[in-house]
N, C-alpha and C. Protein backbone atom coordinates (compact mmCIF):
# COMPACT_ATOMS: atom_id res chain seq x y z
N MET A 1 -48.07 -96.37 -16.92
CA MET A 1 -49.26 -96.94 -16.32
C MET A 1 -49.40 -98.39 -16.71
N LYS A 2 -49.74 -99.24 -15.76
CA LYS A 2 -49.88 -100.66 -16.03
C LYS A 2 -51.10 -100.91 -16.90
N THR A 3 -50.92 -101.80 -17.89
CA THR A 3 -52.01 -102.12 -18.79
C THR A 3 -52.90 -103.18 -18.18
N ASN A 4 -54.20 -102.89 -18.07
CA ASN A 4 -55.18 -103.86 -17.61
C ASN A 4 -55.80 -104.51 -18.84
N ASN A 5 -55.50 -105.80 -19.03
CA ASN A 5 -55.93 -106.46 -20.26
C ASN A 5 -57.33 -107.04 -20.19
N LYS A 6 -58.02 -106.85 -19.07
CA LYS A 6 -59.38 -107.34 -18.96
C LYS A 6 -60.35 -106.32 -19.55
N TRP A 7 -61.10 -106.74 -20.56
CA TRP A 7 -62.05 -105.85 -21.22
C TRP A 7 -63.30 -105.69 -20.36
N THR A 8 -63.87 -104.49 -20.42
CA THR A 8 -65.15 -104.21 -19.78
C THR A 8 -66.18 -103.90 -20.87
N VAL A 9 -67.44 -103.81 -20.46
CA VAL A 9 -68.50 -103.45 -21.41
C VAL A 9 -68.22 -102.07 -22.00
N LYS A 10 -67.72 -101.18 -21.16
CA LYS A 10 -67.38 -99.82 -21.62
C LYS A 10 -66.30 -99.87 -22.69
N ASP A 11 -65.31 -100.76 -22.53
CA ASP A 11 -64.24 -100.89 -23.53
C ASP A 11 -64.81 -101.34 -24.86
N VAL A 12 -65.72 -102.31 -24.81
CA VAL A 12 -66.33 -102.82 -26.04
C VAL A 12 -67.11 -101.73 -26.74
N ILE A 13 -67.92 -101.00 -25.99
CA ILE A 13 -68.73 -99.93 -26.57
C ILE A 13 -67.85 -98.84 -27.17
N THR A 14 -66.81 -98.45 -26.43
CA THR A 14 -65.91 -97.40 -26.92
C THR A 14 -65.20 -97.82 -28.19
N THR A 15 -64.71 -99.06 -28.21
CA THR A 15 -64.01 -99.56 -29.40
C THR A 15 -64.93 -99.62 -30.60
N VAL A 16 -66.14 -100.10 -30.40
CA VAL A 16 -67.10 -100.20 -31.51
C VAL A 16 -67.48 -98.82 -32.02
N LEU A 17 -67.78 -97.90 -31.09
CA LEU A 17 -68.20 -96.56 -31.51
C LEU A 17 -67.10 -95.82 -32.26
N LEU A 18 -65.87 -95.88 -31.74
CA LEU A 18 -64.76 -95.19 -32.42
C LEU A 18 -64.40 -95.87 -33.73
N THR A 19 -64.60 -97.17 -33.82
CA THR A 19 -64.40 -97.86 -35.09
C THR A 19 -65.43 -97.40 -36.11
N VAL A 20 -66.67 -97.21 -35.66
CA VAL A 20 -67.71 -96.69 -36.55
C VAL A 20 -67.32 -95.31 -37.06
N VAL A 21 -66.72 -94.48 -36.17
CA VAL A 21 -66.25 -93.16 -36.60
C VAL A 21 -65.15 -93.30 -37.65
N LEU A 22 -64.21 -94.22 -37.42
CA LEU A 22 -63.14 -94.47 -38.40
C LEU A 22 -63.71 -94.88 -39.74
N ILE A 23 -64.66 -95.80 -39.72
CA ILE A 23 -65.28 -96.27 -40.97
C ILE A 23 -66.05 -95.13 -41.62
N GLY A 24 -66.71 -94.31 -40.80
CA GLY A 24 -67.45 -93.18 -41.33
C GLY A 24 -66.53 -92.19 -42.05
N ILE A 25 -65.39 -91.89 -41.44
CA ILE A 25 -64.41 -91.00 -42.08
C ILE A 25 -63.97 -91.58 -43.41
N HIS A 26 -63.68 -92.87 -43.39
CA HIS A 26 -63.22 -93.55 -44.60
C HIS A 26 -64.24 -93.41 -45.73
N PHE A 27 -65.50 -93.70 -45.44
CA PHE A 27 -66.52 -93.69 -46.49
C PHE A 27 -66.92 -92.27 -46.89
N ILE A 28 -66.82 -91.32 -45.98
CA ILE A 28 -67.09 -89.93 -46.34
C ILE A 28 -66.03 -89.44 -47.33
N VAL A 29 -64.76 -89.75 -47.04
CA VAL A 29 -63.68 -89.34 -47.94
C VAL A 29 -63.86 -89.99 -49.30
N ILE A 30 -64.20 -91.27 -49.31
CA ILE A 30 -64.41 -91.97 -50.59
C ILE A 30 -65.56 -91.34 -51.36
N THR A 31 -66.66 -91.06 -50.66
CA THR A 31 -67.85 -90.49 -51.32
C THR A 31 -67.55 -89.12 -51.91
N VAL A 32 -66.89 -88.26 -51.12
CA VAL A 32 -66.56 -86.92 -51.61
C VAL A 32 -65.58 -86.99 -52.77
N SER A 33 -64.63 -87.91 -52.69
CA SER A 33 -63.58 -87.99 -53.71
C SER A 33 -64.07 -88.58 -55.02
N MET A 34 -65.26 -89.18 -55.03
CA MET A 34 -65.77 -89.79 -56.26
C MET A 34 -66.05 -88.76 -57.35
N VAL A 35 -66.09 -87.49 -56.97
CA VAL A 35 -66.33 -86.45 -57.97
C VAL A 35 -65.13 -86.27 -58.89
N ASN A 36 -63.97 -86.76 -58.47
CA ASN A 36 -62.76 -86.62 -59.26
C ASN A 36 -61.95 -87.90 -59.17
N GLN A 37 -61.67 -88.54 -60.30
CA GLN A 37 -61.00 -89.83 -60.30
C GLN A 37 -59.56 -89.76 -59.80
N PHE A 38 -58.87 -88.66 -60.07
CA PHE A 38 -57.51 -88.51 -59.58
C PHE A 38 -57.51 -88.43 -58.06
N PHE A 39 -58.39 -87.60 -57.51
CA PHE A 39 -58.48 -87.47 -56.07
C PHE A 39 -58.87 -88.81 -55.43
N ASN A 40 -59.82 -89.49 -56.07
CA ASN A 40 -60.31 -90.75 -55.52
C ASN A 40 -59.23 -91.83 -55.52
N CYS A 41 -58.54 -92.00 -56.61
CA CYS A 41 -57.57 -93.09 -56.73
C CYS A 41 -56.23 -92.76 -56.08
N VAL A 42 -55.80 -91.51 -56.16
CA VAL A 42 -54.44 -91.15 -55.76
C VAL A 42 -54.38 -90.52 -54.36
N LEU A 43 -55.27 -89.58 -54.09
CA LEU A 43 -55.15 -88.79 -52.87
C LEU A 43 -56.05 -89.26 -51.72
N SER A 44 -57.20 -89.83 -52.04
CA SER A 44 -58.16 -90.16 -50.98
C SER A 44 -57.63 -91.13 -49.92
N PRO A 45 -56.80 -92.14 -50.27
CA PRO A 45 -56.27 -93.00 -49.20
C PRO A 45 -55.47 -92.23 -48.15
N GLY A 46 -54.62 -91.32 -48.62
CA GLY A 46 -53.83 -90.52 -47.70
C GLY A 46 -54.68 -89.59 -46.86
N VAL A 47 -55.66 -88.95 -47.49
CA VAL A 47 -56.55 -88.05 -46.76
C VAL A 47 -57.31 -88.82 -45.67
N SER A 48 -57.78 -90.01 -46.03
CA SER A 48 -58.48 -90.85 -45.07
C SER A 48 -57.58 -91.25 -43.90
N MET A 49 -56.33 -91.61 -44.20
CA MET A 49 -55.39 -91.99 -43.15
C MET A 49 -55.07 -90.82 -42.23
N PHE A 50 -55.01 -89.61 -42.78
CA PHE A 50 -54.70 -88.43 -41.97
C PHE A 50 -55.81 -88.15 -40.97
N PHE A 51 -57.05 -88.11 -41.45
CA PHE A 51 -58.16 -87.75 -40.56
C PHE A 51 -58.55 -88.89 -39.62
N SER A 52 -58.20 -90.11 -39.99
CA SER A 52 -58.52 -91.25 -39.13
C SER A 52 -57.52 -91.41 -37.99
N ALA A 53 -56.31 -90.92 -38.18
CA ALA A 53 -55.24 -91.15 -37.21
C ALA A 53 -55.59 -90.69 -35.80
N PRO A 54 -56.08 -89.45 -35.59
CA PRO A 54 -56.39 -89.03 -34.22
C PRO A 54 -57.45 -89.91 -33.55
N VAL A 55 -58.41 -90.41 -34.34
CA VAL A 55 -59.45 -91.27 -33.79
C VAL A 55 -58.84 -92.60 -33.35
N TYR A 56 -57.93 -93.14 -34.17
CA TYR A 56 -57.26 -94.38 -33.82
C TYR A 56 -56.41 -94.21 -32.56
N ILE A 57 -55.66 -93.11 -32.50
CA ILE A 57 -54.82 -92.83 -31.33
C ILE A 57 -55.68 -92.75 -30.07
N LEU A 58 -56.81 -92.04 -30.16
CA LEU A 58 -57.71 -91.92 -29.01
C LEU A 58 -58.25 -93.28 -28.61
N MET A 59 -58.66 -94.07 -29.59
CA MET A 59 -59.26 -95.38 -29.31
C MET A 59 -58.27 -96.30 -28.61
N VAL A 60 -57.06 -96.41 -29.12
CA VAL A 60 -56.07 -97.30 -28.54
C VAL A 60 -55.61 -96.79 -27.18
N SER A 61 -55.39 -95.48 -27.08
CA SER A 61 -54.91 -94.90 -25.82
C SER A 61 -55.95 -95.01 -24.72
N ARG A 62 -57.20 -94.76 -25.08
CA ARG A 62 -58.25 -94.81 -24.07
C ARG A 62 -58.50 -96.25 -23.62
N GLY A 63 -58.46 -97.18 -24.56
CA GLY A 63 -58.62 -98.58 -24.19
C GLY A 63 -57.47 -99.06 -23.33
N ASN A 64 -56.25 -98.68 -23.72
CA ASN A 64 -55.04 -98.99 -22.97
C ASN A 64 -54.94 -100.48 -22.63
N LYS A 65 -55.29 -101.31 -23.61
CA LYS A 65 -55.20 -102.76 -23.40
C LYS A 65 -55.05 -103.46 -24.75
N ARG A 66 -54.68 -104.71 -24.69
CA ARG A 66 -54.43 -105.46 -25.90
C ARG A 66 -55.71 -105.78 -26.66
N PHE A 67 -55.52 -105.94 -27.98
CA PHE A 67 -56.55 -106.41 -28.91
C PHE A 67 -57.55 -105.34 -29.34
N VAL A 68 -57.32 -104.08 -28.98
CA VAL A 68 -58.18 -103.01 -29.47
C VAL A 68 -57.99 -102.85 -30.98
N SER A 69 -56.73 -102.82 -31.42
CA SER A 69 -56.45 -102.70 -32.85
C SER A 69 -57.01 -103.89 -33.62
N LEU A 70 -56.82 -105.08 -33.07
CA LEU A 70 -57.33 -106.29 -33.73
C LEU A 70 -58.85 -106.23 -33.86
N ALA A 71 -59.53 -105.84 -32.78
CA ALA A 71 -60.98 -105.76 -32.82
C ALA A 71 -61.45 -104.72 -33.84
N SER A 72 -60.83 -103.55 -33.84
CA SER A 72 -61.23 -102.46 -34.72
C SER A 72 -61.03 -102.82 -36.20
N LEU A 73 -59.86 -103.35 -36.52
CA LEU A 73 -59.57 -103.68 -37.92
C LEU A 73 -60.37 -104.88 -38.39
N THR A 74 -60.71 -105.77 -37.49
CA THR A 74 -61.57 -106.90 -37.86
C THR A 74 -62.98 -106.41 -38.17
N ILE A 75 -63.47 -105.45 -37.40
CA ILE A 75 -64.78 -104.86 -37.69
C ILE A 75 -64.76 -104.20 -39.07
N LEU A 76 -63.67 -103.50 -39.39
CA LEU A 76 -63.53 -102.90 -40.72
C LEU A 76 -63.58 -103.98 -41.79
N GLY A 77 -62.88 -105.08 -41.55
CA GLY A 77 -62.91 -106.19 -42.49
C GLY A 77 -64.31 -106.77 -42.66
N LEU A 78 -65.09 -106.82 -41.57
CA LEU A 78 -66.46 -107.32 -41.65
C LEU A 78 -67.33 -106.41 -42.52
N VAL A 79 -67.09 -105.10 -42.43
CA VAL A 79 -67.83 -104.17 -43.27
C VAL A 79 -67.52 -104.44 -44.74
N TYR A 80 -66.25 -104.66 -45.05
CA TYR A 80 -65.89 -104.99 -46.43
C TYR A 80 -66.48 -106.33 -46.85
N LEU A 81 -66.55 -107.28 -45.93
CA LEU A 81 -67.17 -108.57 -46.22
C LEU A 81 -68.62 -108.38 -46.64
N LEU A 82 -69.33 -107.50 -45.93
CA LEU A 82 -70.73 -107.25 -46.24
C LEU A 82 -70.91 -106.58 -47.60
N THR A 83 -69.88 -105.87 -48.07
CA THR A 83 -69.96 -105.23 -49.38
C THR A 83 -69.55 -106.16 -50.51
N GLY A 84 -69.12 -107.38 -50.16
CA GLY A 84 -68.75 -108.36 -51.18
C GLY A 84 -67.26 -108.58 -51.32
N ASN A 85 -66.46 -107.77 -50.64
CA ASN A 85 -65.00 -107.91 -50.70
C ASN A 85 -64.54 -108.81 -49.55
N TRP A 86 -64.90 -110.08 -49.62
CA TRP A 86 -64.69 -111.03 -48.53
C TRP A 86 -63.22 -111.19 -48.16
N TYR A 87 -62.32 -111.05 -49.13
CA TYR A 87 -60.90 -111.29 -48.90
C TYR A 87 -60.28 -110.24 -47.96
N LEU A 88 -60.97 -109.10 -47.78
CA LEU A 88 -60.43 -108.06 -46.92
C LEU A 88 -60.66 -108.34 -45.44
N LEU A 89 -61.56 -109.25 -45.11
CA LEU A 89 -61.76 -109.62 -43.70
C LEU A 89 -60.52 -110.30 -43.14
N PRO A 90 -60.01 -111.39 -43.72
CA PRO A 90 -58.79 -111.98 -43.17
C PRO A 90 -57.59 -111.05 -43.29
N TYR A 91 -57.58 -110.23 -44.35
CA TYR A 91 -56.45 -109.31 -44.53
C TYR A 91 -56.36 -108.31 -43.38
N PHE A 92 -57.48 -107.65 -43.05
CA PHE A 92 -57.46 -106.64 -42.00
C PHE A 92 -57.34 -107.28 -40.62
N ALA A 93 -57.84 -108.51 -40.46
CA ALA A 93 -57.64 -109.22 -39.19
C ALA A 93 -56.16 -109.50 -38.97
N LEU A 94 -55.47 -109.91 -40.02
CA LEU A 94 -54.03 -110.15 -39.91
C LEU A 94 -53.28 -108.85 -39.65
N LEU A 95 -53.72 -107.76 -40.27
CA LEU A 95 -53.10 -106.46 -40.02
C LEU A 95 -53.31 -106.06 -38.56
N GLY A 96 -54.49 -106.36 -38.02
CA GLY A 96 -54.76 -106.08 -36.61
C GLY A 96 -53.83 -106.85 -35.70
N LEU A 97 -53.56 -108.10 -36.05
CA LEU A 97 -52.62 -108.91 -35.26
C LEU A 97 -51.22 -108.32 -35.32
N LEU A 98 -50.83 -107.82 -36.50
CA LEU A 98 -49.52 -107.20 -36.64
C LEU A 98 -49.42 -105.95 -35.77
N CYS A 99 -50.49 -105.18 -35.71
CA CYS A 99 -50.52 -104.00 -34.82
C CYS A 99 -50.34 -104.42 -33.37
N GLU A 100 -50.98 -105.52 -33.00
CA GLU A 100 -50.86 -105.99 -31.62
C GLU A 100 -49.43 -106.41 -31.28
N VAL A 101 -48.75 -106.99 -32.26
CA VAL A 101 -47.34 -107.36 -32.05
C VAL A 101 -46.50 -106.12 -31.78
N VAL A 102 -46.73 -105.07 -32.57
CA VAL A 102 -45.97 -103.83 -32.41
C VAL A 102 -46.26 -103.19 -31.05
N LEU A 103 -47.51 -103.29 -30.60
CA LEU A 103 -47.94 -102.61 -29.37
C LEU A 103 -47.97 -103.54 -28.15
N TRP A 104 -47.39 -104.72 -28.28
CA TRP A 104 -47.51 -105.72 -27.21
C TRP A 104 -46.80 -105.30 -25.92
N LYS A 105 -45.68 -104.60 -26.06
CA LYS A 105 -44.91 -104.21 -24.89
C LYS A 105 -45.74 -103.32 -23.98
N ARG A 106 -45.63 -103.55 -22.68
CA ARG A 106 -46.39 -102.78 -21.71
C ARG A 106 -46.11 -101.28 -21.86
N GLY A 107 -47.16 -100.50 -21.86
CA GLY A 107 -47.02 -99.05 -21.98
C GLY A 107 -47.09 -98.54 -23.40
N SER A 108 -47.14 -99.45 -24.38
CA SER A 108 -47.11 -99.03 -25.79
C SER A 108 -48.38 -98.31 -26.21
N TYR A 109 -49.49 -98.58 -25.53
CA TYR A 109 -50.78 -98.03 -25.95
C TYR A 109 -50.89 -96.53 -25.69
N ARG A 110 -49.94 -95.99 -24.94
CA ARG A 110 -49.89 -94.54 -24.76
C ARG A 110 -48.50 -94.01 -25.06
N ASN A 111 -47.76 -94.78 -25.86
CA ASN A 111 -46.42 -94.38 -26.27
C ASN A 111 -46.51 -93.74 -27.65
N ALA A 112 -46.21 -92.45 -27.73
CA ALA A 112 -46.40 -91.68 -28.96
C ALA A 112 -45.64 -92.28 -30.14
N LYS A 113 -44.40 -92.71 -29.92
CA LYS A 113 -43.60 -93.23 -31.01
C LYS A 113 -44.16 -94.54 -31.56
N ARG A 114 -44.56 -95.43 -30.66
CA ARG A 114 -45.11 -96.70 -31.10
C ARG A 114 -46.46 -96.52 -31.79
N LEU A 115 -47.28 -95.62 -31.28
CA LEU A 115 -48.56 -95.36 -31.91
C LEU A 115 -48.39 -94.75 -33.29
N THR A 116 -47.44 -93.83 -33.42
CA THR A 116 -47.16 -93.21 -34.71
C THR A 116 -46.66 -94.24 -35.71
N PHE A 117 -45.76 -95.10 -35.27
CA PHE A 117 -45.25 -96.15 -36.15
C PHE A 117 -46.37 -97.10 -36.57
N THR A 118 -47.23 -97.46 -35.62
CA THR A 118 -48.30 -98.41 -35.91
C THR A 118 -49.27 -97.87 -36.95
N TRP A 119 -49.71 -96.62 -36.77
CA TRP A 119 -50.67 -96.08 -37.75
C TRP A 119 -50.01 -95.81 -39.10
N SER A 120 -48.75 -95.45 -39.11
CA SER A 120 -48.03 -95.30 -40.38
C SER A 120 -47.97 -96.64 -41.10
N MET A 121 -47.76 -97.71 -40.34
CA MET A 121 -47.75 -99.06 -40.90
C MET A 121 -49.13 -99.42 -41.45
N VAL A 122 -50.18 -99.09 -40.70
CA VAL A 122 -51.54 -99.34 -41.18
C VAL A 122 -51.79 -98.60 -42.48
N SER A 123 -51.29 -97.38 -42.59
CA SER A 123 -51.46 -96.59 -43.81
C SER A 123 -50.81 -97.28 -45.00
N LEU A 124 -49.64 -97.85 -44.78
CA LEU A 124 -48.94 -98.58 -45.84
C LEU A 124 -49.75 -99.80 -46.28
N PHE A 125 -50.19 -100.60 -45.31
CA PHE A 125 -50.92 -101.81 -45.65
C PHE A 125 -52.32 -101.53 -46.17
N TYR A 126 -52.85 -100.36 -45.87
CA TYR A 126 -54.13 -99.96 -46.44
C TYR A 126 -54.01 -99.82 -47.96
N ILE A 127 -52.89 -99.27 -48.40
CA ILE A 127 -52.64 -99.16 -49.84
C ILE A 127 -52.48 -100.54 -50.45
N VAL A 128 -51.78 -101.43 -49.76
CA VAL A 128 -51.60 -102.79 -50.27
C VAL A 128 -52.96 -103.46 -50.46
N SER A 129 -53.93 -103.15 -49.59
CA SER A 129 -55.26 -103.74 -49.75
C SER A 129 -55.90 -103.35 -51.07
N ASN A 130 -55.54 -102.17 -51.59
CA ASN A 130 -56.05 -101.74 -52.89
C ASN A 130 -55.40 -102.48 -54.04
N LEU A 131 -54.27 -103.11 -53.77
CA LEU A 131 -53.57 -103.86 -54.80
C LEU A 131 -54.02 -105.33 -54.86
N LEU A 132 -54.63 -105.80 -53.80
CA LEU A 132 -55.05 -107.21 -53.76
C LEU A 132 -55.96 -107.59 -54.92
N PRO A 133 -56.93 -106.73 -55.31
CA PRO A 133 -57.76 -107.11 -56.46
C PRO A 133 -56.95 -107.33 -57.73
N LEU A 134 -55.95 -106.50 -57.94
CA LEU A 134 -55.13 -106.63 -59.15
C LEU A 134 -54.33 -107.93 -59.13
N TRP A 135 -53.91 -108.34 -57.96
CA TRP A 135 -53.05 -109.51 -57.85
C TRP A 135 -53.83 -110.82 -57.78
N PHE A 136 -54.96 -110.81 -57.06
CA PHE A 136 -55.61 -112.09 -56.77
C PHE A 136 -57.12 -112.12 -56.97
N PHE A 137 -57.82 -110.98 -56.83
CA PHE A 137 -59.27 -111.02 -56.71
C PHE A 137 -59.96 -110.06 -57.69
N TRP A 138 -59.50 -110.03 -58.92
CA TRP A 138 -60.04 -109.07 -59.86
C TRP A 138 -61.53 -109.28 -60.12
N ASP A 139 -61.97 -110.51 -60.31
CA ASP A 139 -63.38 -110.78 -60.61
C ASP A 139 -64.27 -110.30 -59.47
N THR A 140 -63.84 -110.54 -58.23
CA THR A 140 -64.63 -110.10 -57.08
C THR A 140 -64.71 -108.58 -57.02
N PHE A 141 -63.56 -107.93 -57.23
CA PHE A 141 -63.54 -106.47 -57.19
C PHE A 141 -64.38 -105.88 -58.33
N TYR A 142 -64.26 -106.46 -59.51
CA TYR A 142 -64.99 -105.92 -60.66
C TYR A 142 -66.50 -106.03 -60.44
N ALA A 143 -66.94 -107.16 -59.89
CA ALA A 143 -68.36 -107.33 -59.59
C ALA A 143 -68.82 -106.31 -58.56
N PHE A 144 -67.98 -106.05 -57.54
CA PHE A 144 -68.30 -105.05 -56.53
C PHE A 144 -68.37 -103.66 -57.15
N ALA A 145 -67.41 -103.33 -58.02
CA ALA A 145 -67.38 -102.01 -58.64
C ALA A 145 -68.62 -101.77 -59.49
N VAL A 146 -69.02 -102.76 -60.26
CA VAL A 146 -70.21 -102.62 -61.11
C VAL A 146 -71.46 -102.50 -60.25
N ALA A 147 -71.56 -103.34 -59.22
CA ALA A 147 -72.73 -103.31 -58.33
C ALA A 147 -72.83 -101.99 -57.58
N SER A 148 -71.69 -101.34 -57.33
CA SER A 148 -71.67 -100.07 -56.60
C SER A 148 -71.95 -98.87 -57.51
N GLY A 149 -72.11 -99.13 -58.79
CA GLY A 149 -72.41 -98.05 -59.71
C GLY A 149 -71.20 -97.35 -60.30
N MET A 150 -70.00 -97.92 -60.10
CA MET A 150 -68.80 -97.33 -60.68
C MET A 150 -68.80 -97.55 -62.20
N ASP A 151 -68.52 -96.48 -62.93
CA ASP A 151 -68.51 -96.65 -64.38
C ASP A 151 -67.17 -97.17 -64.86
N GLN A 152 -67.11 -97.49 -66.13
CA GLN A 152 -65.90 -98.10 -66.69
C GLN A 152 -64.71 -97.15 -66.63
N SER A 153 -64.96 -95.85 -66.73
CA SER A 153 -63.86 -94.89 -66.69
C SER A 153 -63.16 -94.91 -65.34
N TYR A 154 -63.94 -95.11 -64.25
CA TYR A 154 -63.32 -95.21 -62.93
C TYR A 154 -62.43 -96.44 -62.85
N ILE A 155 -62.94 -97.56 -63.32
CA ILE A 155 -62.18 -98.80 -63.28
C ILE A 155 -60.89 -98.67 -64.08
N GLU A 156 -60.98 -98.00 -65.22
CA GLU A 156 -59.79 -97.78 -66.05
C GLU A 156 -58.79 -96.87 -65.34
N SER A 157 -59.29 -95.86 -64.63
CA SER A 157 -58.41 -94.97 -63.87
C SER A 157 -57.72 -95.73 -62.75
N TYR A 158 -58.47 -96.59 -62.08
CA TYR A 158 -57.91 -97.42 -61.01
C TYR A 158 -56.77 -98.26 -61.57
N LEU A 159 -56.98 -98.87 -62.70
CA LEU A 159 -55.94 -99.69 -63.31
C LEU A 159 -54.75 -98.83 -63.72
N GLN A 160 -55.03 -97.65 -64.25
CA GLN A 160 -53.95 -96.76 -64.70
C GLN A 160 -53.02 -96.38 -63.55
N TYR A 161 -53.60 -95.96 -62.43
CA TYR A 161 -52.78 -95.47 -61.33
C TYR A 161 -52.10 -96.60 -60.55
N TYR A 162 -52.79 -97.72 -60.39
CA TYR A 162 -52.25 -98.79 -59.55
C TYR A 162 -51.40 -99.81 -60.30
N THR A 163 -51.28 -99.63 -61.60
CA THR A 163 -50.36 -100.48 -62.36
C THR A 163 -49.15 -99.69 -62.87
N SER A 164 -49.15 -98.39 -62.62
CA SER A 164 -48.01 -97.55 -63.00
C SER A 164 -47.04 -97.45 -61.83
N PRO A 165 -45.80 -97.92 -61.98
CA PRO A 165 -44.84 -97.87 -60.86
C PRO A 165 -44.67 -96.47 -60.28
N GLY A 166 -44.59 -95.48 -61.15
CA GLY A 166 -44.40 -94.11 -60.68
C GLY A 166 -45.56 -93.63 -59.83
N TRP A 167 -46.78 -93.82 -60.33
CA TRP A 167 -47.96 -93.40 -59.58
C TRP A 167 -48.10 -94.20 -58.29
N LEU A 168 -47.79 -95.49 -58.36
CA LEU A 168 -47.93 -96.34 -57.18
C LEU A 168 -46.97 -95.90 -56.07
N ILE A 169 -45.77 -95.56 -56.43
CA ILE A 169 -44.80 -95.06 -55.45
C ILE A 169 -45.33 -93.77 -54.81
N PHE A 170 -45.89 -92.89 -55.64
CA PHE A 170 -46.44 -91.64 -55.12
C PHE A 170 -47.62 -91.90 -54.18
N ILE A 171 -48.53 -92.79 -54.57
CA ILE A 171 -49.70 -93.10 -53.75
C ILE A 171 -49.28 -93.66 -52.40
N VAL A 172 -48.33 -94.61 -52.41
CA VAL A 172 -47.85 -95.21 -51.17
C VAL A 172 -47.18 -94.16 -50.28
N ALA A 173 -46.29 -93.36 -50.88
CA ALA A 173 -45.57 -92.35 -50.12
C ALA A 173 -46.53 -91.32 -49.53
N PHE A 174 -47.49 -90.89 -50.33
CA PHE A 174 -48.46 -89.89 -49.87
C PHE A 174 -49.29 -90.43 -48.71
N ALA A 175 -49.74 -91.67 -48.82
CA ALA A 175 -50.57 -92.26 -47.77
C ALA A 175 -49.79 -92.43 -46.47
N VAL A 176 -48.55 -92.91 -46.57
CA VAL A 176 -47.74 -93.13 -45.37
C VAL A 176 -47.39 -91.80 -44.71
N ILE A 177 -47.05 -90.80 -45.51
CA ILE A 177 -46.74 -89.47 -44.96
C ILE A 177 -47.96 -88.88 -44.28
N CYS A 178 -49.11 -89.00 -44.92
CA CYS A 178 -50.35 -88.48 -44.32
C CYS A 178 -50.68 -89.22 -43.03
N GLY A 179 -50.50 -90.55 -43.04
CA GLY A 179 -50.73 -91.32 -41.83
C GLY A 179 -49.80 -90.92 -40.72
N PHE A 180 -48.54 -90.69 -41.07
CA PHE A 180 -47.54 -90.26 -40.10
C PHE A 180 -47.90 -88.89 -39.51
N LEU A 181 -48.24 -87.94 -40.38
CA LEU A 181 -48.59 -86.60 -39.91
C LEU A 181 -49.87 -86.62 -39.07
N GLY A 182 -50.83 -87.44 -39.49
CA GLY A 182 -52.05 -87.58 -38.71
C GLY A 182 -51.78 -88.16 -37.34
N SER A 183 -50.83 -89.09 -37.28
CA SER A 183 -50.45 -89.70 -36.00
C SER A 183 -49.78 -88.68 -35.08
N ILE A 184 -48.93 -87.86 -35.67
CA ILE A 184 -48.29 -86.80 -34.88
C ILE A 184 -49.35 -85.88 -34.28
N LEU A 185 -50.32 -85.50 -35.12
CA LEU A 185 -51.42 -84.67 -34.63
C LEU A 185 -52.19 -85.38 -33.53
N GLY A 186 -52.46 -86.68 -33.74
CA GLY A 186 -53.21 -87.45 -32.75
C GLY A 186 -52.50 -87.57 -31.42
N THR A 187 -51.20 -87.82 -31.46
CA THR A 187 -50.45 -87.95 -30.20
C THR A 187 -50.34 -86.61 -29.47
N ARG A 188 -50.27 -85.51 -30.22
CA ARG A 188 -50.25 -84.20 -29.58
C ARG A 188 -51.60 -83.88 -28.94
N LEU A 189 -52.68 -84.24 -29.64
CA LEU A 189 -54.00 -84.05 -29.06
C LEU A 189 -54.17 -84.91 -27.82
N MET A 190 -53.60 -86.13 -27.88
CA MET A 190 -53.65 -87.03 -26.75
C MET A 190 -53.01 -86.39 -25.52
N GLY A 191 -51.87 -85.75 -25.74
CA GLY A 191 -51.14 -85.16 -24.63
C GLY A 191 -51.73 -83.84 -24.14
N LYS A 192 -52.21 -83.03 -25.07
CA LYS A 192 -52.61 -81.67 -24.69
C LYS A 192 -54.09 -81.54 -24.33
N HIS A 193 -54.93 -82.31 -25.03
CA HIS A 193 -56.36 -82.09 -24.88
C HIS A 193 -57.12 -83.28 -24.30
N PHE A 194 -56.80 -84.48 -24.80
CA PHE A 194 -57.54 -85.65 -24.33
C PHE A 194 -57.35 -85.87 -22.84
N LYS A 195 -56.09 -85.76 -22.38
CA LYS A 195 -55.81 -85.98 -20.97
C LYS A 195 -56.41 -84.87 -20.10
N LYS A 196 -56.30 -83.62 -20.58
CA LYS A 196 -56.86 -82.50 -19.81
C LYS A 196 -58.37 -82.61 -19.71
N ALA A 197 -58.98 -83.11 -20.79
CA ALA A 197 -60.44 -83.22 -20.80
C ALA A 197 -60.94 -84.44 -20.04
N GLY A 198 -60.00 -85.26 -19.57
CA GLY A 198 -60.37 -86.46 -18.83
C GLY A 198 -60.81 -87.60 -19.71
N VAL A 199 -60.55 -87.50 -21.04
CA VAL A 199 -60.92 -88.58 -21.96
C VAL A 199 -60.01 -89.77 -21.74
N LEU A 200 -58.74 -89.52 -21.38
CA LEU A 200 -57.77 -90.60 -21.12
C LEU A 200 -57.55 -90.76 -19.62
């Protein structure tokens, strides 16, 4: 199907609403995982990527035009900006541009392989975003953590897992695998249910 790159009001509303769902999934997983530091630091990114994947697949496929990923990830960055993590706005905007490069070819927005690769890539770079405070923005992250009510034990756990090569490899691998599996689920739903239901 030919991609129509002209956005409509419906496209804007759909992208914003599904992005809100993506952000909601992300923050629900974070909130639930706060009861256990291991789950929060190690497993929650992957769990979030898994459950977010079908929503992302639906959003990009239904829009079927360029800049949906860029718009969605920029909105996510704006949410982080409002929480005080300003450096994540340009980071996620750049990630959105990278997604657009991957999906630029006509027909990619409903191509299962390209969509799966794109969300798996997002899952990888989502983990990298957790490393940015350690590398460049520790003071900003620490102020955010304290303001959010995180205790010192959480911060120490964060440092423990994200500075250990072994744990870091596991966290990255788990997140990418979960993102990949979530994408597979999303593309199957796209083919079996979304199209039949007239969503696409």
